[in-house]
Amino acid sequence: MKKIEAIIRKSKYNVVKDALHDVGVNFFSYWDVTGLGNEKEGHVYRGVSYSTSDIQRRYLSIVVNDDFLDTTLNAIINAAGTGKVGDGKIFVSNIEEAYRIRTGEKGSSTLN
């Protein structure tokens, strides 16, 4: 099993969510986060532009079976990408085990 952690633009969240549902990823967690990166977001107040270094993003946490990793990654990359600085990052790590709390079942079948 693999854990996918994706940090994406908040404006792309609904597109990414729909793309994940389209490929069969129906459960994941997300948070609104603030971070620092290469992109500098600007704000305009009364015609004057102000730069800030804090950038609003959405953080997704998804666990999938190994054979479903590429499908999930492609869905995120294709839906979240704009080709501009600030599109985000994806991190993939191994998951040792998963348990379904309700039944005590363990293994990759708990992801369905």
Protein backbone atom coordinates (compact mmCIF):
# COMPACT_ATOMS: atom_id res chain seq x y z
CA MET A 1 0.00 0.00 0.00
CA LYS A 2 1.10 3.56 -0.68
CA LYS A 3 0.26 6.86 0.95
CA ILE A 4 -0.02 9.82 -1.40
CA GLU A 5 0.29 13.27 0.10
CA ALA A 6 -0.54 16.03 -2.37
CA ILE A 7 -0.36 19.77 -1.81
CA ILE A 8 -2.40 21.53 -4.49
CA ARG A 9 -3.89 24.92 -5.29
CA LYS A 10 -7.19 25.46 -3.46
CA SER A 11 -8.71 26.59 -6.75
CA LYS A 12 -7.99 23.15 -8.26
CA TYR A 13 -9.51 21.10 -5.42
CA ASN A 14 -12.90 20.40 -7.04
CA VAL A 15 -11.30 19.39 -10.33
CA VAL A 16 -8.88 17.04 -8.52
CA LYS A 17 -11.69 15.61 -6.36
CA ASP A 18 -13.77 14.85 -9.47
CA ALA A 19 -10.76 13.29 -11.24
CA LEU A 20 -10.09 11.05 -8.23
CA HIS A 21 -13.74 9.96 -8.10
CA ASP A 22 -13.62 9.25 -11.85
CA VAL A 23 -10.75 6.77 -11.38
CA GLY A 24 -12.33 5.13 -8.32
CA VAL A 25 -10.71 6.92 -5.38
CA ASN A 26 -13.77 7.56 -3.24
CA PHE A 27 -12.15 8.16 0.15
CA PHE A 28 -9.41 10.56 1.16
CA SER A 29 -8.78 13.22 3.78
CA TYR A 30 -7.95 16.86 3.16
CA TRP A 31 -6.96 19.96 5.09
CA ASP A 32 -6.59 23.63 4.32
CA VAL A 33 -2.96 24.54 4.88
CA THR A 34 -0.72 27.56 4.60
CA GLY A 35 2.85 27.27 3.43
CA LEU A 36 5.84 28.98 1.94
CA GLY A 37 7.08 28.26 -1.55
CA ASN A 38 8.55 29.69 -4.73
CA GLU A 39 5.28 31.35 -5.71
CA LYS A 40 4.54 34.75 -4.25
CA GLU A 41 0.85 35.56 -4.13
CA GLY A 42 -0.01 39.21 -4.44
CA HIS A 43 -2.97 41.09 -3.01
CA VAL A 44 -4.35 44.31 -4.41
CA TYR A 45 -5.89 46.87 -2.09
CA ARG A 46 -7.10 50.18 -3.54
CA GLY A 47 -5.00 49.70 -6.64
CA VAL A 48 -1.77 48.92 -4.75
CA SER A 49 -0.28 45.41 -5.02
CA TYR A 50 1.07 43.82 -1.83
CA SER A 51 3.12 40.62 -1.80
CA THR A 52 2.72 37.97 0.85
CA SER A 53 4.84 34.93 1.44
CA ASP A 54 2.03 32.81 2.96
CA ILE A 55 0.26 30.76 0.30
CA GLN A 56 -3.09 29.01 0.83
CA ARG A 57 -3.16 25.38 -0.36
CA ARG A 58 -5.14 22.19 0.14
CA TYR A 59 -3.39 19.08 1.49
CA LEU A 60 -4.74 15.68 0.40
CA SER A 61 -3.94 12.38 2.08
CA ILE A 62 -4.81 9.26 0.10
CA VAL A 63 -3.93 5.58 0.71
CA VAL A 64 -4.14 3.21 -2.27
CA ASN A 65 -3.08 -0.33 -3.18
CA ASP A 66 0.29 -0.54 -4.93
CA ASP A 67 -1.25 -1.43 -8.30
CA PHE A 68 -3.44 1.69 -8.19
CA LEU A 69 -0.64 4.18 -7.50
CA ASP A 70 0.07 5.30 -11.07
CA THR A 71 -3.62 5.76 -11.88
CA THR A 72 -4.10 7.95 -8.80
CA LEU A 73 -0.95 10.00 -9.43
CA ASN A 74 -1.91 10.62 -13.06
CA ALA A 75 -5.38 11.78 -12.02
CA ILE A 76 -3.92 14.31 -9.56
CA ILE A 77 -1.18 15.56 -11.89
CA ASN A 78 -3.51 15.99 -14.87
CA ALA A 79 -6.24 17.70 -12.84
CA ALA A 80 -4.05 19.94 -10.65
CA GLY A 81 -1.48 21.05 -13.20
CA THR A 82 -1.52 24.51 -14.76
CA GLY A 83 2.11 24.55 -15.90
CA LYS A 84 2.89 27.49 -13.64
CA VAL A 85 4.98 27.86 -10.51
CA GLY A 86 2.91 26.93 -7.45
CA ASP A 87 1.02 23.91 -8.84
CA GLY A 88 2.10 21.94 -5.78
CA LYS A 89 3.92 18.78 -4.76
CA ILE A 90 3.14 15.08 -4.37
CA PHE A 91 4.90 12.77 -1.92
CA VAL A 92 4.57 8.97 -1.93
CA SER A 93 5.47 6.72 0.99
CA ASN A 94 5.00 3.09 1.97
CA ILE A 95 2.24 1.98 4.35
CA GLU A 96 3.09 -1.04 6.48
CA GLU A 97 -0.46 -2.08 7.39
CA ALA A 98 -4.07 -0.86 7.43
CA TYR A 99 -6.88 -1.84 9.79
CA ARG A 100 -10.63 -1.39 9.58
CA ILE A 101 -11.65 -0.30 13.07
CA ARG A 102 -15.24 -1.56 12.84
CA THR A 103 -14.32 -5.20 12.06
CA GLY A 104 -10.65 -5.46 13.03
CA GLU A 105 -9.91 -6.61 9.48
CA LYS A 106 -6.42 -5.83 8.24
CA GLY A 107 -4.62 -5.59 4.92
CA SER A 108 -5.22 -3.97 1.59
CA SER A 109 -8.87 -5.04 1.50
CA THR A 110 -9.59 -2.40 4.16
CA LEU A 111 -9.12 0.28 1.49
CA ASN A 112 -12.28 -0.72 -0.38
